Amino acid sequence: MSRIKEDYRSLTGPQKAAIMMLSLGEDHSAKLFAMMDDEEIRELSQIMANLGTIGSTLVERLFVDFADAISNTGSLVGSYDTTERLLMRSLPKDRVDLIMEEIRGPAGRTMWDKLGNVNEQVLANYLKNEYPQTVAVVLSKIKPDHASRVLSLLPENFAMEVIMRMLHMEAVQKEVLDGVEKTLRTEFMSNLARTAKRDAHEMMAEIFNNLDRNTESRFITALEERSRESAEKIKQLMFTFEDLKRLDAQGVQTLLRHVEKDKLGLALKGASDPVKEMFFGNMSERAGKMLREDMEAMGPVRLREVDEAQNSIVTLAKELSNSGQIVISEGKEDDELVY
């Protein structure tokens, strides 16, 4: 956990207030929270949840500065759990849940600030299912460089609809803007915050997925020696290029429509025969022949390049799965299709 600067002079006013709230204890803090509005609580909670460890010397200096009387409060740890526990003493659970979901999500004081910190692919995956007018409003409110990246990831016809709406968009009424903001908060940000509460093994599985084969194998082997149970959990959660065998024919064809052909050829150079046949079996004879010729023309390729190509296709498959365009079964018996 991060450690806040020990220099008292470097602390901002909100940081001092957050440390004070944590050090007062649940009963006193609860009374103070009850007198604040939602925006003040959100701002203070965001800072509290990210304080990390606060040294006792700094806490004492703060109290001396405020009251010139209190000291020896010991060290504090600001975390999501301690912040949530304090809030629960003075606010209804549904209100606390909303506040905690927001501070667990992307940083930012306003909704538009928060959107600016959302990965463009994640934001594009959400917006492509919204009305073009709604997307036009959102893109007009975020920074141009971020908006451009999101726009480039939207389906072309849909993106053109959005562009036309933006070109002819007049001043957005406050009621409309409030409606869009409310929808983003309740449907998008809350889901984004919930998905942020991730299992540690799931997080490590994603990290391992992006390692090259040698490094991945080395780490897994070392982990097995320390904790075989954790190693097994991670292996079960990992999704590799070979796991694409779990796609049905429709899923493979959807993936083929989105993947870059040069990356596919490079990825298949290091794939097993069943995976190769799966891809070739879902191509036309002409397309399959051309891809085989391209692969032969590549000659020997570096394993690192093959890994990078395979990882990019795996990432694409996950994105298509998350957006509901393909289904990746878990390989269990009850996932099999019956015709």
Protein backbone atom coordinates (compact mmCIF):
# COMPACT_ATOMS: atom_id res chain seq x y z
CA MET A 1 0.00 0.00 0.00
CA SER A 2 1.28 3.46 -0.81
CA ARG A 3 2.66 5.65 1.95
CA ILE A 4 1.62 9.30 1.96
CA LYS A 5 4.38 11.92 2.08
CA GLU A 6 5.72 12.53 5.58
CA ASP A 7 6.16 16.26 4.84
CA TYR A 8 3.19 17.87 6.57
CA ARG A 9 3.50 20.96 4.38
CA SER A 10 2.84 18.91 1.24
CA LEU A 11 -0.63 17.83 2.42
CA THR A 12 -3.65 19.41 0.77
CA GLY A 13 -6.66 20.58 2.76
CA PRO A 14 -8.81 17.59 1.68
CA GLN A 15 -5.99 15.19 2.65
CA LYS A 16 -5.79 16.74 6.12
CA ALA A 17 -9.56 16.44 6.48
CA ALA A 18 -9.45 12.78 5.38
CA ILE A 19 -6.74 11.94 7.94
CA MET A 20 -8.71 13.76 10.61
CA MET A 21 -11.89 11.77 9.80
CA LEU A 22 -10.03 8.46 9.99
CA SER A 23 -8.38 9.34 13.27
CA LEU A 24 -11.56 10.53 15.00
CA GLY A 25 -13.06 7.04 15.09
CA GLU A 26 -16.37 5.74 13.79
CA ASP A 27 -18.75 7.46 16.25
CA HIS A 28 -17.42 11.00 15.80
CA SER A 29 -16.80 10.62 12.06
CA ALA A 30 -20.36 9.34 11.59
CA LYS A 31 -21.75 12.56 13.05
CA LEU A 32 -19.61 14.65 10.71
CA PHE A 33 -20.55 12.61 7.63
CA ALA A 34 -24.23 13.11 8.46
CA MET A 35 -23.75 16.88 8.07
CA MET A 36 -22.09 16.66 4.63
CA ASP A 37 -23.69 16.55 1.18
CA ASP A 38 -23.05 13.70 -1.28
CA GLU A 39 -20.39 15.55 -3.26
CA GLU A 40 -18.37 16.33 -0.13
CA ILE A 41 -18.66 12.72 1.03
CA ARG A 42 -17.55 11.39 -2.37
CA GLU A 43 -14.52 13.67 -2.52
CA LEU A 44 -13.47 12.92 1.05
CA SER A 45 -14.12 9.17 0.67
CA GLN A 46 -12.02 9.02 -2.51
CA ILE A 47 -9.07 10.53 -0.68
CA MET A 48 -9.56 8.38 2.46
CA ALA A 49 -9.66 5.18 0.43
CA ASN A 50 -6.31 5.98 -1.21
CA LEU A 51 -4.34 7.41 1.72
CA GLY A 52 -2.41 4.26 2.52
CA THR A 53 -0.40 4.21 5.75
CA ILE A 54 -0.22 7.45 7.74
CA GLY A 55 2.69 7.83 10.15
CA SER A 56 1.87 8.69 13.76
CA THR A 57 4.18 11.72 13.66
CA LEU A 58 2.19 13.25 10.85
CA VAL A 59 -1.11 12.51 12.65
CA GLU A 60 0.17 14.19 15.80
CA ARG A 61 1.30 17.24 13.84
CA LEU A 62 -2.14 17.48 12.26
CA PHE A 63 -3.93 17.38 15.60
CA VAL A 64 -1.54 19.90 17.12
CA ASP A 65 -2.24 22.16 14.18
CA PHE A 66 -6.00 21.74 14.53
CA ALA A 67 -6.50 21.61 18.27
CA ASP A 68 -3.05 22.15 19.79
CA ALA A 69 -3.91 19.48 22.32
CA ILE A 70 -4.33 15.97 20.88
CA SER A 71 -1.41 13.62 20.23
CA ASN A 72 -0.30 9.97 20.41
CA THR A 73 -3.06 8.77 18.10
CA GLY A 74 -0.86 6.09 16.57
CA SER A 75 -0.68 5.20 12.91
CA LEU A 76 -3.70 4.84 10.63
CA VAL A 77 -4.50 2.86 7.51
CA GLY A 78 -6.87 4.41 5.00
CA SER A 79 -8.52 1.74 2.86
CA TYR A 80 -11.78 0.98 1.11
CA ASP A 81 -12.86 -1.22 4.02
CA THR A 82 -12.24 1.35 6.76
CA THR A 83 -13.90 4.07 4.69
CA GLU A 84 -16.95 1.92 3.99
CA ARG A 85 -17.25 0.98 7.66
CA LEU A 86 -17.25 4.64 8.70
CA LEU A 87 -19.88 5.53 6.12
CA MET A 88 -22.14 2.67 7.21
CA ARG A 89 -22.38 4.20 10.70
CA SER A 90 -24.17 7.31 9.44
CA LEU A 91 -25.65 6.62 5.99
CA PRO A 92 -28.18 4.14 4.53
CA LYS A 93 -26.60 1.06 2.94
CA ASP A 94 -27.85 1.87 -0.60
CA ARG A 95 -26.26 5.33 -0.39
CA VAL A 96 -22.99 3.88 0.92
CA ASP A 97 -22.99 1.26 -1.88
CA LEU A 98 -23.40 4.01 -4.47
CA ILE A 99 -20.59 6.11 -2.98
CA MET A 100 -18.22 3.13 -2.67
CA GLU A 101 -18.94 2.00 -6.24
CA GLU A 102 -18.07 5.46 -7.47
CA ILE A 103 -14.79 5.75 -5.56
CA ARG A 104 -13.76 2.22 -6.53
CA GLY A 105 -14.32 3.22 -10.16
CA PRO A 106 -12.13 5.60 -12.17
CA ALA A 107 -10.79 8.68 -10.40
CA GLY A 108 -12.33 12.08 -11.08
CA ARG A 109 -14.52 14.64 -9.37
CA THR A 110 -17.24 14.76 -12.05
CA MET A 111 -18.67 12.01 -14.23
CA TRP A 112 -16.85 13.42 -17.25
CA ASP A 113 -13.55 13.46 -15.37
CA LYS A 114 -14.13 9.80 -14.49
CA LEU A 115 -14.89 8.89 -18.10
CA GLY A 116 -11.59 10.46 -19.10
CA ASN A 117 -9.85 7.76 -17.04
CA VAL A 118 -11.77 4.84 -18.55
CA ASN A 119 -9.92 2.75 -21.12
CA GLU A 120 -11.13 3.68 -24.62
CA GLN A 121 -11.90 0.07 -25.55
CA VAL A 122 -14.05 -0.42 -22.45
CA LEU A 123 -15.89 2.84 -23.10
CA ALA A 124 -16.38 2.05 -26.80
CA ASN A 125 -17.78 -1.40 -25.98
CA TYR A 126 -20.40 0.25 -23.79
CA LEU A 127 -21.25 3.18 -26.07
CA LYS A 128 -21.75 1.11 -29.22
CA ASN A 129 -24.98 -0.21 -27.69
CA GLU A 130 -26.32 3.29 -26.94
CA TYR A 131 -28.23 5.72 -29.16
CA PRO A 132 -25.97 7.78 -31.49
CA GLN A 133 -27.29 10.99 -29.93
CA THR A 134 -26.27 9.79 -26.45
CA VAL A 135 -22.80 8.86 -27.71
CA ALA A 136 -22.51 12.28 -29.39
CA VAL A 137 -23.24 13.98 -26.06
CA VAL A 138 -20.68 11.83 -24.22
CA LEU A 139 -17.92 12.39 -26.80
CA SER A 140 -18.56 16.12 -26.79
CA LYS A 141 -17.97 16.22 -23.02
CA ILE A 142 -14.69 14.28 -22.78
CA LYS A 143 -11.27 15.41 -23.98
CA PRO A 144 -10.79 15.43 -27.79
CA ASP A 145 -7.85 12.99 -27.78
CA HIS A 146 -9.81 10.48 -25.72
CA ALA A 147 -12.93 11.01 -27.84
CA SER A 148 -10.94 10.34 -31.01
CA ARG A 149 -9.66 7.00 -29.70
CA VAL A 150 -13.15 5.94 -28.64
CA LEU A 151 -14.63 7.02 -32.00
CA SER A 152 -12.06 5.00 -33.93
CA LEU A 153 -13.10 1.84 -32.05
CA LEU A 154 -16.83 2.17 -32.81
CA PRO A 155 -18.34 0.30 -35.81
CA GLU A 156 -17.82 2.51 -38.88
CA ASN A 157 -21.47 3.10 -39.80
CA PHE A 158 -22.36 3.79 -36.19
CA ALA A 159 -19.37 6.15 -35.82
CA MET A 160 -20.57 8.13 -38.86
CA GLU A 161 -24.01 8.47 -37.28
CA VAL A 162 -22.35 9.82 -34.14
CA ILE A 163 -20.22 12.26 -36.17
CA MET A 164 -23.29 13.62 -37.96
CA ARG A 165 -25.10 14.11 -34.64
CA MET A 166 -22.07 15.92 -33.22
CA LEU A 167 -21.85 18.19 -36.26
CA HIS A 168 -25.49 19.23 -35.95
CA MET A 169 -25.72 19.20 -32.15
CA GLU A 170 -27.03 22.34 -30.53
CA ALA A 171 -26.54 23.34 -26.89
CA VAL A 172 -27.49 20.31 -24.80
CA GLN A 173 -30.30 20.98 -22.34
CA LYS A 174 -29.42 20.49 -18.71
CA GLU A 175 -32.17 17.90 -18.28
CA VAL A 176 -30.75 15.83 -21.14
CA LEU A 177 -27.22 16.11 -19.77
CA ASP A 178 -28.39 15.12 -16.29
CA GLY A 179 -30.20 12.11 -17.79
CA VAL A 180 -27.11 10.94 -19.66
CA GLU A 181 -24.98 11.45 -16.55
CA LYS A 182 -27.44 9.47 -14.40
CA THR A 183 -27.49 6.60 -16.91
CA LEU A 184 -23.69 6.50 -17.03
CA ARG A 185 -23.51 6.45 -13.24
CA THR A 186 -26.14 3.75 -12.66
CA GLU A 187 -25.48 1.49 -15.65
CA PHE A 188 -21.84 1.94 -16.60
CA MET A 189 -19.81 3.23 -13.66
CA SER A 190 -21.51 1.00 -11.10
CA ASN A 191 -20.80 -2.09 -13.22
CA LEU A 192 -17.24 -0.91 -13.80
CA ALA A 193 -16.74 -0.47 -10.05
CA ARG A 194 -18.19 -3.90 -9.30
CA THR A 195 -15.86 -5.57 -11.80
CA ALA A 196 -12.96 -3.78 -10.10
CA LYS A 197 -13.51 -5.97 -7.01
CA ARG A 198 -11.49 -8.72 -8.57
CA ASP A 199 -10.19 -11.96 -7.20
CA ALA A 200 -6.41 -11.90 -6.81
CA HIS A 201 -6.05 -15.20 -8.69
CA GLU A 202 -8.10 -13.83 -11.59
CA MET A 203 -5.89 -10.74 -11.74
CA MET A 204 -2.71 -12.86 -11.73
CA ALA A 205 -4.15 -15.14 -14.44
CA GLU A 206 -4.56 -12.11 -16.72
CA ILE A 207 -1.00 -10.99 -15.98
CA PHE A 208 0.33 -14.49 -16.67
CA ASN A 209 -1.63 -14.57 -19.93
CA ASN A 210 0.46 -11.66 -21.17
CA LEU A 211 3.83 -13.18 -20.30
CA ASP A 212 5.93 -14.94 -22.90
CA ARG A 213 5.85 -18.73 -22.65
CA ASN A 214 9.22 -19.18 -21.00
CA THR A 215 8.57 -16.56 -18.32
CA GLU A 216 5.05 -17.87 -17.71
CA SER A 217 6.32 -21.43 -17.33
CA ARG A 218 9.10 -20.31 -14.99
CA PHE A 219 6.69 -18.37 -12.74
CA ILE A 220 4.10 -21.15 -12.67
CA THR A 221 6.75 -23.72 -11.74
CA ALA A 222 8.11 -21.48 -8.98
CA LEU A 223 4.61 -20.79 -7.71
CA GLU A 224 3.80 -24.51 -7.61
CA GLU A 225 6.70 -24.99 -5.20
CA ARG A 226 5.36 -22.30 -2.85
CA SER A 227 1.60 -22.76 -3.23
CA ARG A 228 0.34 -25.54 -5.48
CA GLU A 229 -3.26 -24.53 -4.74
CA SER A 230 -2.73 -20.98 -5.99
CA ALA A 231 -0.86 -22.21 -9.05
CA GLU A 232 -3.73 -24.54 -9.96
CA LYS A 233 -6.31 -21.79 -9.52
CA ILE A 234 -4.34 -19.47 -11.78
CA LYS A 235 -3.90 -22.15 -14.44
CA GLN A 236 -7.62 -22.83 -14.42
CA LEU A 237 -8.39 -19.12 -14.85
CA MET A 238 -5.81 -18.50 -17.57
CA PHE A 239 -7.09 -18.28 -21.13
CA THR A 240 -4.54 -19.07 -23.83
CA PHE A 241 -4.51 -19.23 -27.60
CA GLU A 242 -5.03 -23.00 -27.39
CA ASP A 243 -8.26 -22.39 -25.43
CA LEU A 244 -9.79 -20.91 -28.59
CA LYS A 245 -10.66 -24.54 -29.37
CA ARG A 246 -13.63 -23.95 -27.07
CA LEU A 247 -15.22 -21.60 -29.61
CA ASP A 248 -18.07 -22.90 -31.73
CA ALA A 249 -18.02 -22.48 -35.53
CA GLN A 250 -20.00 -19.24 -35.40
CA GLY A 251 -17.63 -17.84 -32.80
CA VAL A 252 -14.57 -18.72 -34.90
CA GLN A 253 -16.10 -17.03 -37.95
CA THR A 254 -16.90 -13.91 -35.93
CA LEU A 255 -13.33 -13.83 -34.64
CA LEU A 256 -11.99 -14.24 -38.18
CA ARG A 257 -13.97 -11.21 -39.34
CA HIS A 258 -12.28 -9.04 -36.71
CA VAL A 259 -8.73 -10.38 -36.59
CA GLU A 260 -5.87 -8.96 -38.66
CA LYS A 261 -4.82 -11.60 -41.20
CA ASP A 262 -1.08 -11.03 -40.79
CA LYS A 263 -1.41 -11.52 -37.02
CA LEU A 264 -3.44 -14.68 -37.52
CA GLY A 265 -0.81 -16.18 -39.79
CA LEU A 266 1.94 -15.35 -37.30
CA ALA A 267 -0.10 -16.74 -34.39
CA LEU A 268 -0.87 -19.99 -36.21
CA LYS A 269 2.84 -20.58 -36.89
CA GLY A 270 3.15 -21.55 -33.22
CA ALA A 271 -0.25 -23.18 -32.76
CA SER A 272 -1.11 -26.86 -32.35
CA ASP A 273 -2.56 -28.78 -35.30
CA PRO A 274 -6.12 -28.90 -33.82
CA VAL A 275 -6.19 -25.08 -33.46
CA LYS A 276 -4.82 -24.63 -36.98
CA GLU A 277 -7.43 -26.95 -38.42
CA MET A 278 -10.17 -25.20 -36.49
CA PHE A 279 -9.31 -21.87 -38.11
CA PHE A 280 -8.71 -23.25 -41.59
CA GLY A 281 -11.91 -25.30 -41.35
CA ASN A 282 -13.92 -22.12 -40.91
CA MET A 283 -12.38 -20.32 -43.90
CA SER A 284 -13.21 -20.58 -47.55
CA GLU A 285 -10.86 -22.81 -49.54
CA ARG A 286 -9.38 -19.78 -51.26
CA ALA A 287 -8.83 -17.82 -48.03
CA GLY A 288 -7.27 -20.87 -46.36
CA LYS A 289 -4.92 -21.41 -49.28
CA MET A 290 -3.81 -17.76 -49.25
CA LEU A 291 -3.17 -17.86 -45.50
CA ARG A 292 -1.10 -21.05 -45.78
CA GLU A 293 0.98 -19.45 -48.53
CA ASP A 294 1.51 -16.34 -46.39
CA MET A 295 2.64 -18.50 -43.48
CA GLU A 296 5.11 -20.39 -45.66
CA ALA A 297 6.47 -17.12 -47.03
CA MET A 298 7.20 -15.90 -43.50
CA GLY A 299 9.87 -18.52 -42.99
CA PRO A 300 11.24 -18.92 -39.44
CA VAL A 301 9.76 -16.44 -36.96
CA ARG A 302 10.74 -15.46 -33.43
CA LEU A 303 8.81 -17.11 -30.61
CA ARG A 304 8.33 -13.68 -29.01
CA GLU A 305 6.54 -12.42 -32.14
CA VAL A 306 4.30 -15.50 -32.18
CA ASP A 307 3.44 -14.96 -28.50
CA GLU A 308 2.58 -11.30 -29.12
CA ALA A 309 0.33 -12.20 -32.06
CA GLN A 310 -1.41 -14.94 -30.08
CA ASN A 311 -1.91 -12.65 -27.08
CA SER A 312 -3.47 -9.94 -29.26
CA ILE A 313 -5.94 -12.47 -30.70
CA VAL A 314 -6.76 -13.81 -27.23
CA THR A 315 -7.40 -10.22 -26.07
CA LEU A 316 -9.66 -9.66 -29.08
CA ALA A 317 -11.56 -12.90 -28.33
CA LYS A 318 -12.12 -11.77 -24.73
CA GLU A 319 -13.42 -8.39 -25.89
CA LEU A 320 -15.82 -10.08 -28.32
CA SER A 321 -16.92 -12.40 -25.53
CA ASN A 322 -17.47 -9.52 -23.09
CA SER A 323 -19.62 -7.70 -25.65
CA GLY A 324 -21.69 -10.85 -26.28
CA GLN A 325 -20.58 -11.36 -29.89
CA ILE A 326 -19.02 -14.76 -29.23
CA VAL A 327 -19.39 -17.39 -26.50
CA ILE A 328 -16.35 -19.06 -24.96
CA SER A 329 -17.44 -22.20 -23.14
CA GLU A 330 -15.62 -23.28 -20.01
CA GLY A 331 -14.99 -26.71 -21.48
CA LYS A 332 -17.31 -28.42 -19.03
CA GLU A 333 -19.80 -31.08 -19.98
CA ASP A 334 -22.80 -28.83 -19.36
CA ASP A 335 -21.34 -26.23 -21.74
CA GLU A 336 -21.57 -28.57 -24.72
CA LEU A 337 -24.12 -27.69 -27.40
CA VAL A 338 -26.98 -30.03 -28.29
CA TYR A 339 -28.27 -29.93 -31.86
